[in-house]
Amino acid sequence: MKLKHIAAAALAFAAVSAFAAPTAYNIEPNHTFPSFEADHMGISLWRGKFNKSSGTIVLDTAAKTGSLDITIDAASLDFGHDKMNEHAKSKDMFNVEKFPTATYKSKSIKFNGITPVAVEGELTLLGVTKPVTLAINKFKCIQHPMFKREACGADASGTFNRADFGLDYGVKMGFSPEVKLAIQVEALKAD
């Protein structure tokens, strides 16, 4: 009987230890789209997204720590309007020729129990790095039925002032510089 209890305790410890270890995930680019909403002359909101992004997420739910390192291909900007895309990629705005990527790197991840609820990090856009906090509005991990490994997904949001990064086109004409982010992300457990 004692042997059964020792074996059960060892199995439970092994399960907790495995769960407690940091787990790395790779961003799944076909299910991840950083999107944003920006003022257009005070009369409407333009919404755009970036069609290409990559990166890694590391989570240790037991230690309540983790990291996030995301790279966005600025040239994949898509407003769903060819002329707007062309202008936004020019030197007036995102200047994708000089700054082909934007990055987001976490400083810390805040947890509620074992669930991540916020990320404090730094956004680098147009060569300027500033703090940006993302709220994690929804988070879930499952065993992915097609990829046959763990997948985690999240809905995150945040705001920043684009003029702080030098993206100030239209501000003198009355455009609001506030940008709202809405990011859907899915990531697969690394092999």
Foldseek 3Di string as FASTA:
>chain_A
DVVVVVVVVVVVVVVVVVLQDKFKWKWDLQFKKKKKWWFDLVPDIQIKIASGKIWMKIARLVVQWIKTKMKTQLLSIDRVDVVVSVVCCPPLAQVCVVVRIKMWIFPTFGDDRSHTFKTWIWIQGLNDIDIWMKGWPDKDWDQDPPVRFIKMKTKIKTKDFRVNNVRCPCVVVPIGRIMIIIIIIMITTDD
